[in-house]
Structures are given as C-alpha cells and as structure tokens.
C-alpha cells in the first residue's frame, strides 16, 4: 500500500492533507474528515477537495485497516453516522 500511495503522491507538487474533524466511532475506529490541497506536478491542476474522509481501524496501537473515501457522505453512511 505504501508503494502505491507513494506513486500517487509523486504526481503532486506541494500536496497536503489537513485533518478538519475527527469522529471517534468506537475504541478501535476513527473517521477523519480531510481537506486535500496540492497541484499536479505535470498538469499544474489545482486540487482543493474537502469531500474526502479517511477511516482507520486500530488494534494494539497499529492501523490494521484504512479506507479512503472520496465522498464524506458515503463514509458517514457506511459507518451509520448519518442523522
């Protein structure tokens, strides 16, 4: 996974992923709403995306599962966190 993520990151210049909100689901699961910013290394395309979310499952102090969502509403629905 780290190799694929590194390959993806190499396409961006000045990429930043800033956490905006942490939602504790339970003792082993957390959802982080993220604001991604960056610029395409070749295209110059600007990335300014607030809709993303990262879901972590943690056991024994280690991340055992990571799900990257491109849509916050989908993440909230999958975790039954919608109102």
Protein backbone atom coordinates (compact mmCIF):
# COMPACT_ATOMS: atom_id res chain seq x y z
CA UNK A 1 0.00 0.00 0.00
CA UNK A 2 2.78 2.43 0.84
CA UNK A 3 4.34 1.91 -2.60
CA UNK A 4 1.06 2.71 -4.40
CA UNK A 5 0.44 5.75 -2.20
CA UNK A 6 3.99 6.96 -2.83
CA UNK A 7 3.45 6.60 -6.59
CA UNK A 8 0.21 8.59 -6.35
CA UNK A 9 1.87 11.31 -4.26
CA UNK A 10 4.71 11.66 -6.77
CA UNK A 11 2.20 13.13 -9.24
CA UNK A 12 1.55 16.11 -6.98
CA UNK A 13 3.56 19.16 -6.06
CA UNK A 14 3.06 20.62 -2.57
CA UNK A 15 0.40 18.03 -1.64
CA UNK A 16 -1.13 18.48 1.82
CA UNK A 17 -3.84 16.52 3.61
CA UNK A 18 -5.16 18.59 6.51
CA UNK A 19 -7.48 16.94 9.03
CA UNK A 20 -10.60 19.02 9.65
CA UNK A 21 -12.55 16.83 12.05
CA UNK A 22 -12.00 13.60 13.98
CA UNK A 23 -15.05 11.41 14.58
CA UNK A 24 -14.45 8.65 17.11
CA UNK A 25 -16.71 5.77 16.12
CA UNK A 26 -15.64 3.50 18.99
CA UNK A 27 -12.46 2.36 20.79
CA UNK A 28 -10.96 0.88 17.61
CA UNK A 29 -12.37 3.03 14.80
CA UNK A 30 -11.98 6.68 13.85
CA UNK A 31 -13.11 8.68 10.84
CA UNK A 32 -11.06 11.72 9.84
CA UNK A 33 -12.62 14.34 7.57
CA UNK A 34 -9.81 15.70 5.43
CA UNK A 35 -9.08 18.73 3.24
CA UNK A 36 -6.68 17.80 0.41
CA UNK A 37 -4.64 20.52 -1.29
CA UNK A 38 -1.97 20.35 -3.98
CA UNK A 39 -1.02 20.99 -7.58
CA UNK A 40 -0.43 18.46 -10.34
CA UNK A 41 3.29 18.11 -10.98
CA UNK A 42 2.89 17.93 -14.77
CA UNK A 43 -0.57 19.38 -15.45
CA UNK A 44 -0.49 22.22 -12.90
CA UNK A 45 -4.06 21.23 -11.98
CA UNK A 46 -5.07 22.59 -8.58
CA UNK A 47 -6.52 20.14 -6.07
CA UNK A 48 -8.71 21.66 -3.36
CA UNK A 49 -11.01 18.89 -2.14
CA UNK A 50 -12.94 18.92 1.12
CA UNK A 51 -15.18 15.95 0.41
CA UNK A 52 -12.69 13.25 1.39
CA UNK A 53 -12.55 11.13 4.56
CA UNK A 54 -10.11 8.56 5.92
CA UNK A 55 -11.38 5.68 8.05
CA UNK A 56 -8.94 3.93 10.39
CA UNK A 57 -9.31 0.70 12.37
CA UNK A 58 -6.71 0.49 15.12
CA UNK A 59 -5.75 -2.54 17.22
CA UNK A 60 -2.84 -2.80 19.60
CA UNK A 61 -1.79 0.74 18.71
CA UNK A 62 -1.43 -0.10 14.99
CA UNK A 63 -3.59 0.72 11.99
CA UNK A 64 -4.95 -2.61 10.73
CA UNK A 65 -7.33 -1.19 8.13
CA UNK A 66 -7.51 2.05 6.18
CA UNK A 67 -10.36 3.04 3.89
CA UNK A 68 -10.02 6.19 1.79
CA UNK A 69 -13.30 7.80 0.83
CA UNK A 70 -13.65 10.39 -1.94
CA UNK A 71 -17.10 11.26 -0.59
CA UNK A 72 -17.76 12.17 3.05
CA UNK A 73 -21.47 11.36 2.82
CA UNK A 74 -20.64 7.83 1.69
CA UNK A 75 -18.22 7.39 4.60
CA UNK A 76 -20.81 8.63 7.09
CA UNK A 77 -23.46 6.34 5.59
CA UNK A 78 -21.15 3.28 5.58
CA UNK A 79 -20.45 3.84 9.28
CA UNK A 80 -24.11 4.56 10.07
CA UNK A 81 -23.22 8.07 11.27
CA UNK A 82 -25.86 9.96 9.30
CA UNK A 83 -28.55 11.81 11.19
